[in-house]
């Protein structure tokens, strides 16, 4: 199999941290795709990922899997320990619920903010929308406050242990820094969570 990744991009980072936590990152063959050079738009790569999405995982039988969550699900099934997606029906549902919240209501607004406001994206996001950037930044800030309140009563984002939901939030916080968005500087529970999580070898 081969995993196509992109440096310093949130969705590839999500998979990288997941595999590092599994202890298998260095066991998976990888190929780097440059988003800034638009390599993800080239015909050869689009034959693998028709929507130009990175990452992409190509299995030995030729099956191509995109969407970072789906790729993580594959590796969770093939490498079940350590468990990062839930061991019981209830735990799997709770972890997926929080993981989706971190992805759709926090990481995604940060991504829209970045794509529509950062000068480096001007060539890739045409046209950029200042209005959408402002709306997205507001949604990200509001969600950060919600997460901070949630973390007041729990050590981890979901369940009572580290999971993929923590990885997704960690990636989202790191991605927000490119917009100089550092909500942990004002939100103490989020700050304490980030300090603990940052010490994990798998998130280096």
N, C-alpha and C. Protein backbone atom coordinates (compact mmCIF):
# COMPACT_ATOMS: atom_id res chain seq x y z
N UNK A 1 0.84 -1.20 0.00
CA UNK A 1 0.00 0.00 0.00
C UNK A 1 0.87 1.24 0.00
N UNK A 2 0.27 2.36 -0.36
CA UNK A 2 1.00 3.63 -0.33
C UNK A 2 0.08 4.73 0.18
N UNK A 3 0.63 5.58 1.05
CA UNK A 3 -0.10 6.71 1.61
C UNK A 3 0.44 8.00 1.02
N UNK A 4 -0.45 8.78 0.41
CA UNK A 4 -0.06 10.07 -0.16
C UNK A 4 -0.38 11.16 0.87
N UNK A 5 0.63 11.96 1.19
CA UNK A 5 0.50 12.96 2.25
C UNK A 5 0.97 14.31 1.76
N UNK A 6 0.72 15.33 2.55
CA UNK A 6 1.18 16.69 2.25
C UNK A 6 1.72 17.31 3.53
N UNK A 7 2.84 17.98 3.43
CA UNK A 7 3.49 18.54 4.60
C UNK A 7 2.68 19.70 5.19
N UNK A 8 2.50 19.68 6.51
CA UNK A 8 1.89 20.78 7.25
C UNK A 8 0.47 21.09 6.80
N UNK A 9 -0.26 20.08 6.36
CA UNK A 9 -1.67 20.24 6.01
C UNK A 9 -2.49 19.48 7.05
N UNK A 10 -3.63 20.00 7.48
CA UNK A 10 -4.34 19.42 8.61
C UNK A 10 -4.81 17.99 8.43
N UNK A 11 -5.39 17.66 7.30
CA UNK A 11 -5.90 16.30 7.14
C UNK A 11 -4.78 15.26 7.04
N UNK A 12 -3.71 15.50 6.29
CA UNK A 12 -2.57 14.59 6.37
C UNK A 12 -1.97 14.51 7.77
N UNK A 13 -1.93 15.63 8.49
CA UNK A 13 -1.43 15.60 9.86
C UNK A 13 -2.30 14.73 10.75
N UNK A 14 -3.58 14.78 10.52
CA UNK A 14 -4.51 13.97 11.31
C UNK A 14 -4.18 12.48 11.17
N UNK A 15 -3.90 12.05 9.94
CA UNK A 15 -3.53 10.66 9.70
C UNK A 15 -2.14 10.37 10.26
N UNK A 16 -1.21 11.30 10.08
CA UNK A 16 0.16 11.08 10.57
C UNK A 16 0.18 10.87 12.08
N UNK A 17 -0.50 11.75 12.83
CA UNK A 17 -0.53 11.60 14.28
C UNK A 17 -1.22 10.29 14.68
N UNK A 18 -2.27 9.94 13.96
CA UNK A 18 -2.98 8.70 14.25
C UNK A 18 -2.04 7.50 14.10
N UNK A 19 -1.28 7.48 13.01
CA UNK A 19 -0.37 6.36 12.76
C UNK A 19 0.82 6.39 13.72
N UNK A 20 1.24 7.59 14.10
CA UNK A 20 2.32 7.68 15.08
C UNK A 20 1.86 7.13 16.43
N UNK A 21 0.63 7.45 16.81
CA UNK A 21 0.09 6.91 18.05
C UNK A 21 -0.04 5.38 17.98
N UNK A 22 -0.30 4.88 16.78
CA UNK A 22 -0.38 3.43 16.58
C UNK A 22 1.01 2.79 16.53
N UNK A 23 2.03 3.61 16.32
CA UNK A 23 3.39 3.09 16.21
C UNK A 23 3.72 2.50 14.86
N UNK A 24 2.99 2.90 13.81
CA UNK A 24 3.20 2.30 12.49
C UNK A 24 3.52 3.32 11.40
N UNK A 25 3.70 4.58 11.78
CA UNK A 25 3.96 5.63 10.78
C UNK A 25 5.14 5.26 9.88
N UNK A 26 6.22 4.78 10.47
CA UNK A 26 7.43 4.47 9.69
C UNK A 26 7.33 3.16 8.94
N UNK A 27 6.23 2.42 9.14
CA UNK A 27 6.06 1.15 8.45
C UNK A 27 5.22 1.29 7.18
N UNK A 28 4.67 2.47 6.96
CA UNK A 28 3.79 2.69 5.81
C UNK A 28 4.54 3.46 4.73
N UNK A 29 4.53 2.92 3.52
CA UNK A 29 5.17 3.62 2.41
C UNK A 29 4.40 4.91 2.11
N UNK A 30 5.15 6.00 1.92
CA UNK A 30 4.50 7.29 1.72
C UNK A 30 5.08 8.03 0.53
N UNK A 31 4.26 8.90 -0.04
CA UNK A 31 4.71 9.79 -1.11
C UNK A 31 4.17 11.19 -0.81
N UNK A 32 5.06 12.18 -0.90
CA UNK A 32 4.69 13.55 -0.60
C UNK A 32 4.04 14.22 -1.82
N UNK A 33 2.93 14.92 -1.58
CA UNK A 33 2.24 15.69 -2.60
C UNK A 33 2.27 17.15 -2.17
N UNK A 34 2.76 18.03 -3.03
CA UNK A 34 2.82 19.45 -2.69
C UNK A 34 1.53 20.15 -3.11
N UNK A 35 0.80 20.62 -2.12
CA UNK A 35 -0.43 21.35 -2.42
C UNK A 35 -0.11 22.72 -3.01
N UNK A 36 0.91 23.39 -2.46
CA UNK A 36 1.26 24.73 -2.94
C UNK A 36 1.76 24.69 -4.39
N UNK A 37 2.34 23.58 -4.81
CA UNK A 37 2.78 23.43 -6.20
C UNK A 37 1.66 22.85 -7.07
N UNK A 38 0.50 22.65 -6.45
CA UNK A 38 -0.70 22.14 -7.13
C UNK A 38 -0.52 20.73 -7.69
N UNK A 39 0.35 19.95 -7.04
CA UNK A 39 0.53 18.57 -7.49
C UNK A 39 -0.73 17.74 -7.29
N UNK A 40 -1.57 18.16 -6.32
CA UNK A 40 -2.82 17.44 -6.09
C UNK A 40 -3.83 17.66 -7.21
N UNK A 41 -3.56 18.62 -8.08
CA UNK A 41 -4.46 18.90 -9.20
C UNK A 41 -4.01 18.20 -10.48
N UNK A 42 -2.84 17.60 -10.47
CA UNK A 42 -2.30 16.98 -11.68
C UNK A 42 -3.08 15.69 -12.00
N UNK A 43 -3.12 15.37 -13.29
CA UNK A 43 -3.93 14.24 -13.75
C UNK A 43 -3.52 12.92 -13.11
N UNK A 44 -2.23 12.73 -12.91
CA UNK A 44 -1.75 11.47 -12.33
C UNK A 44 -2.30 11.26 -10.92
N UNK A 45 -2.30 12.35 -10.14
CA UNK A 45 -2.81 12.21 -8.78
C UNK A 45 -4.33 12.17 -8.77
N UNK A 46 -4.98 12.89 -9.66
CA UNK A 46 -6.44 12.90 -9.69
C UNK A 46 -6.99 11.54 -10.13
N UNK A 47 -6.17 10.73 -10.78
CA UNK A 47 -6.59 9.37 -11.09
C UNK A 47 -6.75 8.55 -9.81
N UNK A 48 -6.03 8.96 -8.77
CA UNK A 48 -6.12 8.32 -7.46
C UNK A 48 -7.19 8.98 -6.61
N UNK A 49 -7.16 10.31 -6.61
CA UNK A 49 -8.07 11.11 -5.78
C UNK A 49 -8.82 12.10 -6.69
N UNK A 50 -9.95 11.71 -7.25
CA UNK A 50 -10.65 12.54 -8.24
C UNK A 50 -10.99 13.95 -7.77
N UNK A 51 -11.17 14.13 -6.45
CA UNK A 51 -11.50 15.46 -5.92
C UNK A 51 -10.25 16.20 -5.44
N UNK A 52 -9.08 15.67 -5.81
CA UNK A 52 -7.80 16.29 -5.46
C UNK A 52 -7.57 16.38 -3.95
N UNK A 53 -8.10 15.42 -3.23
CA UNK A 53 -7.96 15.42 -1.78
C UNK A 53 -6.67 14.74 -1.35
N UNK A 54 -6.04 15.33 -0.33
CA UNK A 54 -4.88 14.72 0.31
C UNK A 54 -5.20 14.68 1.80
N UNK A 55 -5.01 13.53 2.46
CA UNK A 55 -4.28 12.34 2.02
C UNK A 55 -5.13 11.39 1.20
N UNK A 56 -4.44 10.39 0.64
CA UNK A 56 -5.10 9.29 -0.04
C UNK A 56 -4.30 8.02 0.26
N UNK A 57 -5.01 6.94 0.47
CA UNK A 57 -4.38 5.65 0.74
C UNK A 57 -4.76 4.70 -0.39
N UNK A 58 -3.73 4.14 -1.04
CA UNK A 58 -3.97 3.15 -2.09
C UNK A 58 -3.57 1.78 -1.55
N UNK A 59 -4.53 0.87 -1.48
CA UNK A 59 -4.29 -0.47 -0.96
C UNK A 59 -3.62 -1.35 -2.01
N UNK A 60 -3.17 -2.51 -1.59
CA UNK A 60 -2.46 -3.41 -2.50
C UNK A 60 -3.33 -3.88 -3.66
N UNK A 61 -4.65 -3.91 -3.46
CA UNK A 61 -5.54 -4.34 -4.55
C UNK A 61 -5.95 -3.18 -5.45
N UNK A 62 -5.38 -1.99 -5.20
CA UNK A 62 -5.68 -0.83 -6.04
C UNK A 62 -6.78 0.07 -5.52
N UNK A 63 -7.47 -0.36 -4.47
CA UNK A 63 -8.53 0.47 -3.89
C UNK A 63 -7.93 1.76 -3.33
N UNK A 64 -8.52 2.90 -3.70
CA UNK A 64 -8.07 4.20 -3.21
C UNK A 64 -9.06 4.73 -2.18
N UNK A 65 -8.54 5.13 -1.04
CA UNK A 65 -9.36 5.67 0.05
C UNK A 65 -8.91 7.08 0.33
N UNK A 66 -9.84 8.03 0.22
CA UNK A 66 -9.57 9.40 0.63
C UNK A 66 -10.40 9.67 1.89
N UNK A 67 -10.37 10.91 2.36
CA UNK A 67 -11.00 11.32 3.62
C UNK A 67 -10.16 10.79 4.78
N UNK A 68 -9.59 11.70 5.55
CA UNK A 68 -8.67 11.31 6.62
C UNK A 68 -9.33 10.39 7.64
N UNK A 69 -10.58 10.64 7.98
CA UNK A 69 -11.28 9.80 8.96
C UNK A 69 -11.43 8.36 8.45
N UNK A 70 -11.71 8.21 7.15
CA UNK A 70 -11.86 6.88 6.56
C UNK A 70 -10.52 6.14 6.56
N UNK A 71 -9.45 6.85 6.28
CA UNK A 71 -8.12 6.24 6.30
C UNK A 71 -7.78 5.78 7.71
N UNK A 72 -8.08 6.60 8.70
CA UNK A 72 -7.84 6.22 10.09
C UNK A 72 -8.68 5.01 10.47
N UNK A 73 -9.92 4.95 9.99
CA UNK A 73 -10.78 3.80 10.27
C UNK A 73 -10.18 2.52 9.73
N UNK A 74 -9.60 2.59 8.54
CA UNK A 74 -8.95 1.40 7.96
C UNK A 74 -7.81 0.93 8.86
N UNK A 75 -6.96 1.86 9.29
CA UNK A 75 -5.82 1.46 10.11
C UNK A 75 -6.24 1.04 11.52
N UNK A 76 -7.35 1.57 12.02
CA UNK A 76 -7.87 1.12 13.31
C UNK A 76 -8.28 -0.36 13.23
N UNK A 77 -8.86 -0.73 12.10
CA UNK A 77 -9.30 -2.12 11.93
C UNK A 77 -8.14 -3.07 11.71
N UNK A 78 -7.12 -2.62 10.98
CA UNK A 78 -5.99 -3.50 10.68
C UNK A 78 -4.93 -3.49 11.77
N UNK A 79 -4.95 -2.45 12.60
CA UNK A 79 -4.00 -2.34 13.72
C UNK A 79 -4.78 -1.89 14.95
N UNK A 80 -5.54 -2.80 15.56
CA UNK A 80 -6.51 -2.41 16.60
C UNK A 80 -5.93 -1.88 17.90
N UNK A 81 -4.64 -2.08 18.15
CA UNK A 81 -4.05 -1.58 19.39
C UNK A 81 -2.92 -0.60 19.09
N UNK A 82 -2.83 0.48 19.85
CA UNK A 82 -3.78 0.90 20.87
C UNK A 82 -5.09 1.38 20.25
N UNK A 83 -6.17 1.14 20.93
CA UNK A 83 -7.49 1.51 20.43
C UNK A 83 -7.67 3.02 20.52
N UNK A 84 -8.05 3.64 19.40
CA UNK A 84 -8.23 5.09 19.36
C UNK A 84 -9.63 5.51 18.93
N UNK A 85 -10.49 4.53 18.63
CA UNK A 85 -11.82 4.85 18.12
C UNK A 85 -12.95 4.24 18.95
N UNK A 86 -12.63 3.59 20.04
CA UNK A 86 -13.66 3.03 20.88
C UNK A 86 -13.68 1.52 20.89
N UNK A 87 -13.82 0.93 22.08
CA UNK A 87 -13.80 -0.52 22.22
C UNK A 87 -15.18 -1.14 22.36
N UNK A 88 -16.19 -0.35 22.71
CA UNK A 88 -17.56 -0.82 22.87
C UNK A 88 -18.47 0.01 21.96
N UNK A 89 -19.67 -0.46 21.66
CA UNK A 89 -20.58 0.33 20.83
C UNK A 89 -20.79 1.75 21.38
N UNK A 90 -20.99 1.85 22.69
CA UNK A 90 -21.20 3.17 23.29
C UNK A 90 -19.97 4.04 23.15
N UNK A 91 -18.80 3.50 23.44
CA UNK A 91 -17.58 4.30 23.37
C UNK A 91 -17.28 4.71 21.93
N UNK A 92 -17.50 3.81 20.97
CA UNK A 92 -17.29 4.16 19.57
C UNK A 92 -18.20 5.31 19.15
N UNK A 93 -19.45 5.26 19.58
CA UNK A 93 -20.41 6.31 19.22
C UNK A 93 -20.02 7.65 19.86
N UNK A 94 -19.64 7.63 21.13
CA UNK A 94 -19.27 8.87 21.81
C UNK A 94 -18.02 9.48 21.20
N UNK A 95 -17.02 8.64 20.91
CA UNK A 95 -15.79 9.15 20.32
C UNK A 95 -16.06 9.71 18.92
N UNK A 96 -16.87 9.01 18.13
CA UNK A 96 -17.18 9.52 16.79
C UNK A 96 -17.95 10.84 16.88
N UNK A 97 -18.87 10.93 17.82
CA UNK A 97 -19.63 12.17 18.00
C UNK A 97 -18.69 13.35 18.24
N UNK A 98 -17.77 13.19 19.19
CA UNK A 98 -16.86 14.29 19.51
C UNK A 98 -15.84 14.53 18.41
N UNK A 99 -15.42 13.47 17.75
CA UNK A 99 -14.48 13.64 16.64
C UNK A 99 -15.12 14.44 15.52
N UNK A 100 -16.37 14.14 15.22
CA UNK A 100 -17.08 14.88 14.17
C UNK A 100 -17.28 16.34 14.58
N UNK A 101 -17.56 16.55 15.86
CA UNK A 101 -17.70 17.93 16.33
C UNK A 101 -16.40 18.70 16.14
N UNK A 102 -15.28 18.06 16.50
CA UNK A 102 -13.99 18.73 16.35
C UNK A 102 -13.69 19.03 14.89
N UNK A 103 -14.10 18.11 14.02
CA UNK A 103 -13.83 18.27 12.59
C UNK A 103 -14.76 19.28 11.93
N UNK A 104 -16.05 19.11 12.11
CA UNK A 104 -17.02 19.88 11.34
C UNK A 104 -17.31 21.26 11.93
N UNK A 105 -17.22 21.40 13.25
CA UNK A 105 -17.58 22.68 13.85
C UNK A 105 -16.39 23.47 14.37
N UNK A 106 -15.18 22.88 14.26
CA UNK A 106 -13.99 23.65 14.65
C UNK A 106 -12.93 23.63 13.55
N UNK A 107 -12.44 22.45 13.16
CA UNK A 107 -11.41 22.40 12.13
C UNK A 107 -11.90 22.98 10.80
N UNK A 108 -13.13 22.66 10.40
CA UNK A 108 -13.64 23.15 9.12
C UNK A 108 -13.77 24.67 9.08
N UNK A 109 -14.34 25.33 10.10
CA UNK A 109 -14.35 26.80 10.08
C UNK A 109 -12.95 27.41 10.03
N UNK A 110 -12.00 26.82 10.74
CA UNK A 110 -10.63 27.33 10.68
C UNK A 110 -10.10 27.21 9.25
N UNK A 111 -10.40 26.09 8.59
CA UNK A 111 -9.96 25.89 7.21
C UNK A 111 -10.59 26.91 6.28
N UNK A 112 -11.89 27.19 6.43
CA UNK A 112 -12.57 28.19 5.60
C UNK A 112 -11.98 29.58 5.84
N UNK A 113 -11.69 29.87 7.08
CA UNK A 113 -11.07 31.15 7.46
C UNK A 113 -9.73 31.30 6.74
N UNK A 114 -8.92 30.27 6.82
CA UNK A 114 -7.60 30.28 6.19
C UNK A 114 -7.71 30.42 4.68
N UNK A 115 -8.56 29.62 4.08
CA UNK A 115 -8.64 29.62 2.61
C UNK A 115 -9.15 30.95 2.07
N UNK A 116 -9.96 31.65 2.84
CA UNK A 116 -10.56 32.89 2.35
C UNK A 116 -9.89 34.16 2.84
N UNK A 117 -8.88 34.04 3.70
CA UNK A 117 -8.25 35.24 4.24
C UNK A 117 -6.74 35.27 4.10
N UNK A 118 -6.11 34.13 3.98
CA UNK A 118 -4.64 34.11 3.97
C UNK A 118 -4.10 34.40 2.57
N UNK A 119 -3.14 35.30 2.45
CA UNK A 119 -2.59 35.65 1.12
C UNK A 119 -2.02 34.46 0.37
N UNK A 120 -1.47 33.49 1.08
CA UNK A 120 -0.87 32.33 0.43
C UNK A 120 -1.90 31.49 -0.33
N UNK A 121 -3.18 31.66 0.01
CA UNK A 121 -4.22 30.87 -0.63
C UNK A 121 -4.89 31.59 -1.80
N UNK A 122 -4.44 32.77 -2.11
CA UNK A 122 -5.09 33.58 -3.14
C UNK A 122 -5.13 32.88 -4.50
N UNK A 123 -4.09 32.11 -4.80
CA UNK A 123 -4.04 31.42 -6.09
C UNK A 123 -4.85 30.13 -6.11
N UNK A 124 -5.10 29.58 -4.93
CA UNK A 124 -5.83 28.31 -4.85
C UNK A 124 -7.32 28.49 -4.57
N UNK A 125 -7.66 29.58 -3.92
CA UNK A 125 -9.07 29.84 -3.55
C UNK A 125 -9.54 31.08 -4.31
N UNK A 126 -10.16 30.87 -5.44
CA UNK A 126 -10.61 31.99 -6.26
C UNK A 126 -12.12 31.90 -6.47
N UNK A 127 -12.87 32.96 -6.07
CA UNK A 127 -12.36 34.14 -5.36
C UNK A 127 -12.36 33.91 -3.85
N UNK A 128 -11.44 34.57 -3.16
CA UNK A 128 -11.50 34.57 -1.71
C UNK A 128 -12.65 35.47 -1.26
N UNK A 129 -13.27 35.10 -0.15
CA UNK A 129 -14.41 35.86 0.37
C UNK A 129 -14.10 36.38 1.76
N UNK A 130 -13.92 37.69 1.89
CA UNK A 130 -13.65 38.28 3.19
C UNK A 130 -14.83 38.07 4.13
N UNK A 131 -16.04 38.10 3.59
CA UNK A 131 -17.24 37.91 4.42
C UNK A 131 -17.27 36.49 4.99
N UNK A 132 -16.98 35.50 4.14
CA UNK A 132 -16.99 34.12 4.62
C UNK A 132 -15.86 33.88 5.61
N UNK A 133 -14.72 34.54 5.40
CA UNK A 133 -13.60 34.43 6.34
C UNK A 133 -14.02 34.95 7.72
N UNK A 134 -14.73 36.06 7.75
CA UNK A 134 -15.16 36.65 9.01
C UNK A 134 -16.18 35.74 9.71
N UNK A 135 -17.12 35.21 8.94
CA UNK A 135 -18.12 34.31 9.51
C UNK A 135 -17.43 33.07 10.09
N UNK A 136 -16.49 32.52 9.34
CA UNK A 136 -15.80 31.30 9.76
C UNK A 136 -14.96 31.54 11.00
N UNK A 137 -14.30 32.68 11.07
CA UNK A 137 -13.48 32.98 12.25
C UNK A 137 -14.37 33.11 13.48
N UNK A 138 -15.55 33.70 13.31
CA UNK A 138 -16.47 33.83 14.43
C UNK A 138 -16.96 32.48 14.91
N UNK A 139 -17.23 31.58 13.98
CA UNK A 139 -17.68 30.24 14.35
C UNK A 139 -16.58 29.47 15.07
N UNK A 140 -15.34 29.64 14.60
CA UNK A 140 -14.22 28.96 15.25
C UNK A 140 -14.03 29.46 16.68
N UNK A 141 -14.14 30.76 16.87
CA UNK A 141 -13.99 31.34 18.21
C UNK A 141 -15.10 30.86 19.15
N UNK A 142 -16.31 30.81 18.64
CA UNK A 142 -17.44 30.36 19.46
C UNK A 142 -17.28 28.90 19.85
N UNK A 143 -16.81 28.07 18.90
CA UNK A 143 -16.63 26.66 19.19
C UNK A 143 -15.49 26.44 20.18
N UNK A 144 -14.45 27.25 20.09
CA UNK A 144 -13.34 27.14 21.04
C UNK A 144 -13.84 27.36 22.47
N UNK A 145 -14.75 28.29 22.64
CA UNK A 145 -15.32 28.54 23.96
C UNK A 145 -16.14 27.34 24.44
N UNK A 146 -16.89 26.73 23.51
CA UNK A 146 -17.66 25.54 23.86
C UNK A 146 -16.74 24.39 24.28
N UNK A 147 -15.65 24.20 23.55
CA UNK A 147 -14.70 23.14 23.87
C UNK A 147 -14.05 23.40 25.23
N UNK A 148 -13.72 24.65 25.49
CA UNK A 148 -13.11 24.99 26.78
C UNK A 148 -14.05 24.65 27.93
N UNK A 149 -15.32 24.95 27.77
CA UNK A 149 -16.31 24.62 28.80
C UNK A 149 -16.41 23.10 28.98
N UNK A 150 -16.41 22.37 27.89
CA UNK A 150 -16.47 20.91 27.94
C UNK A 150 -15.26 20.34 28.69
N UNK A 151 -14.08 20.88 28.42
CA UNK A 151 -12.86 20.36 29.02
C UNK A 151 -12.72 20.73 30.50
N UNK A 152 -13.62 21.52 30.99
CA UNK A 152 -13.61 21.84 32.42
C UNK A 152 -13.91 20.61 33.26
N UNK A 153 -14.67 19.67 32.70
CA UNK A 153 -15.12 18.51 33.46
C UNK A 153 -14.59 17.18 32.95
N UNK A 154 -13.63 17.22 32.02
CA UNK A 154 -13.09 15.98 31.47
C UNK A 154 -11.63 16.15 31.12
N UNK A 155 -10.88 15.07 31.20
CA UNK A 155 -9.45 15.12 30.89
C UNK A 155 -9.20 15.06 29.39
N UNK A 156 -10.04 14.32 28.68
CA UNK A 156 -9.90 14.16 27.24
C UNK A 156 -11.16 14.62 26.53
N UNK A 157 -11.07 14.80 25.23
CA UNK A 157 -12.21 15.30 24.47
C UNK A 157 -13.38 14.34 24.52
N UNK A 158 -13.10 13.03 24.37
CA UNK A 158 -14.17 12.04 24.36
C UNK A 158 -13.81 10.89 25.29
N UNK A 159 -14.81 10.24 25.82
CA UNK A 159 -14.62 9.10 26.72
C UNK A 159 -13.73 9.51 27.88
N UNK A 160 -13.00 8.55 28.44
CA UNK A 160 -12.15 8.85 29.59
C UNK A 160 -10.69 8.55 29.27
N UNK A 161 -10.36 8.57 27.97
CA UNK A 161 -8.99 8.28 27.55
C UNK A 161 -8.70 8.98 26.24
N UNK A 162 -7.45 8.96 25.84
CA UNK A 162 -7.03 9.58 24.59
C UNK A 162 -7.66 8.86 23.41
N UNK A 163 -8.10 9.65 22.41
CA UNK A 163 -8.74 9.06 21.23
C UNK A 163 -8.49 9.93 20.01
N UNK A 164 -9.04 9.50 18.90
CA UNK A 164 -8.91 10.27 17.66
C UNK A 164 -9.52 11.67 17.79
N UNK A 165 -10.48 11.84 18.67
CA UNK A 165 -11.09 13.16 18.88
C UNK A 165 -10.05 14.15 19.41
N UNK A 166 -9.15 13.67 20.27
CA UNK A 166 -8.08 14.52 20.77
C UNK A 166 -7.11 14.88 19.64
N UNK A 167 -6.83 13.91 18.77
CA UNK A 167 -5.95 14.17 17.63
C UNK A 167 -6.55 15.25 16.74
N UNK A 168 -7.84 15.16 16.46
CA UNK A 168 -8.47 16.12 15.56
C UNK A 168 -8.45 17.53 16.15
N UNK A 169 -8.72 17.64 17.44
CA UNK A 169 -8.65 18.97 18.07
C UNK A 169 -7.22 19.49 18.07
N UNK A 170 -6.25 18.64 18.36
CA UNK A 170 -4.85 19.05 18.36
C UNK A 170 -4.44 19.58 16.98
N UNK A 171 -4.85 18.89 15.94
CA UNK A 171 -4.56 19.33 14.57
C UNK A 171 -5.22 20.68 14.28
N UNK A 172 -6.46 20.81 14.70
CA UNK A 172 -7.20 22.07 14.45
C UNK A 172 -6.54 23.24 15.15
N UNK A 173 -6.10 23.05 16.39
CA UNK A 173 -5.42 24.13 17.11
C UNK A 173 -4.13 24.51 16.41
N UNK A 174 -3.38 23.52 15.96
CA UNK A 174 -2.14 23.82 15.26
C UNK A 174 -2.38 24.54 13.95
N UNK A 175 -3.42 24.15 13.24
CA UNK A 175 -3.75 24.79 11.97
C UNK A 175 -4.15 26.24 12.18
N UNK A 176 -4.86 26.51 13.27
CA UNK A 176 -5.31 27.87 13.54
C UNK A 176 -4.17 28.85 13.77
N UNK A 177 -3.02 28.34 14.14
CA UNK A 177 -1.88 29.23 14.41
C UNK A 177 -1.46 30.00 13.17
N UNK A 178 -1.72 29.44 11.99
CA UNK A 178 -1.34 30.13 10.76
C UNK A 178 -2.14 31.42 10.59
N UNK A 179 -3.32 31.48 11.27
CA UNK A 179 -4.13 32.69 11.27
C UNK A 179 -3.92 33.49 12.57
N UNK A 180 -2.85 33.11 13.29
CA UNK A 180 -2.54 33.75 14.59
C UNK A 180 -3.70 33.58 15.58
N UNK A 181 -4.42 32.47 15.44
CA UNK A 181 -5.55 32.16 16.31
C UNK A 181 -5.06 31.18 17.38
N UNK A 182 -4.94 31.64 18.61
CA UNK A 182 -4.42 30.83 19.71
C UNK A 182 -5.39 30.93 20.89
N UNK A 183 -6.54 30.27 20.79
CA UNK A 183 -7.57 30.41 21.83
C UNK A 183 -7.13 29.93 23.20
N UNK A 184 -6.15 29.03 23.27
CA UNK A 184 -5.68 28.55 24.57
C UNK A 184 -5.05 29.65 25.41
N UNK A 185 -4.68 30.76 24.78
CA UNK A 185 -4.09 31.86 25.54
C UNK A 185 -5.14 32.55 26.42
N UNK A 186 -6.42 32.38 26.07
CA UNK A 186 -7.50 33.01 26.84
C UNK A 186 -8.43 32.00 27.51
N UNK A 187 -8.31 30.74 27.15
CA UNK A 187 -9.22 29.71 27.64
C UNK A 187 -8.43 28.69 28.46
N UNK A 188 -8.52 28.74 29.78
CA UNK A 188 -7.64 27.95 30.64
C UNK A 188 -7.80 26.45 30.53
N UNK A 189 -9.02 25.96 30.38
CA UNK A 189 -9.21 24.51 30.28
C UNK A 189 -8.62 23.96 28.99
N UNK A 190 -8.79 24.71 27.92
CA UNK A 190 -8.19 24.33 26.65
C UNK A 190 -6.66 24.37 26.75
N UNK A 191 -6.15 25.35 27.47
CA UNK A 191 -4.70 25.47 27.66
C UNK A 191 -4.14 24.28 28.42
N UNK A 192 -4.82 23.87 29.50
CA UNK A 192 -4.36 22.73 30.29
C UNK A 192 -4.40 21.44 29.47
N UNK A 193 -5.47 21.27 28.71
CA UNK A 193 -5.58 20.10 27.84
C UNK A 193 -4.44 20.09 26.82
N UNK A 194 -4.20 21.23 26.18
CA UNK A 194 -3.15 21.31 25.16
C UNK A 194 -1.77 21.02 25.75
N UNK A 195 -1.50 21.52 26.94
CA UNK A 195 -0.21 21.27 27.58
C UNK A 195 0.00 19.78 27.81
N UNK A 196 -1.04 19.09 28.28
CA UNK A 196 -0.93 17.65 28.53
C UNK A 196 -0.74 16.87 27.23
N UNK A 197 -1.58 17.18 26.26
CA UNK A 197 -1.58 16.43 25.01
C UNK A 197 -0.26 16.63 24.24
N UNK A 198 0.28 17.82 24.30
CA UNK A 198 1.50 18.14 23.54
C UNK A 198 2.69 17.31 23.98
N UNK A 199 2.62 16.73 25.16
CA UNK A 199 3.73 15.93 25.68
C UNK A 199 3.73 14.51 25.11
N UNK A 200 2.69 14.11 24.42
CA UNK A 200 2.62 12.75 23.89
C UNK A 200 3.63 12.57 22.75
N UNK A 201 4.46 11.52 22.79
CA UNK A 201 5.43 11.29 21.71
C UNK A 201 4.78 11.15 20.34
N UNK A 202 3.56 10.57 20.32
CA UNK A 202 2.88 10.38 19.05
C UNK A 202 2.42 11.66 18.38
N UNK A 203 2.42 12.76 19.10
CA UNK A 203 1.97 14.04 18.54
C UNK A 203 3.14 14.97 18.21
N UNK A 204 4.32 14.42 18.20
CA UNK A 204 5.50 15.23 17.88
C UNK A 204 5.68 15.29 16.37
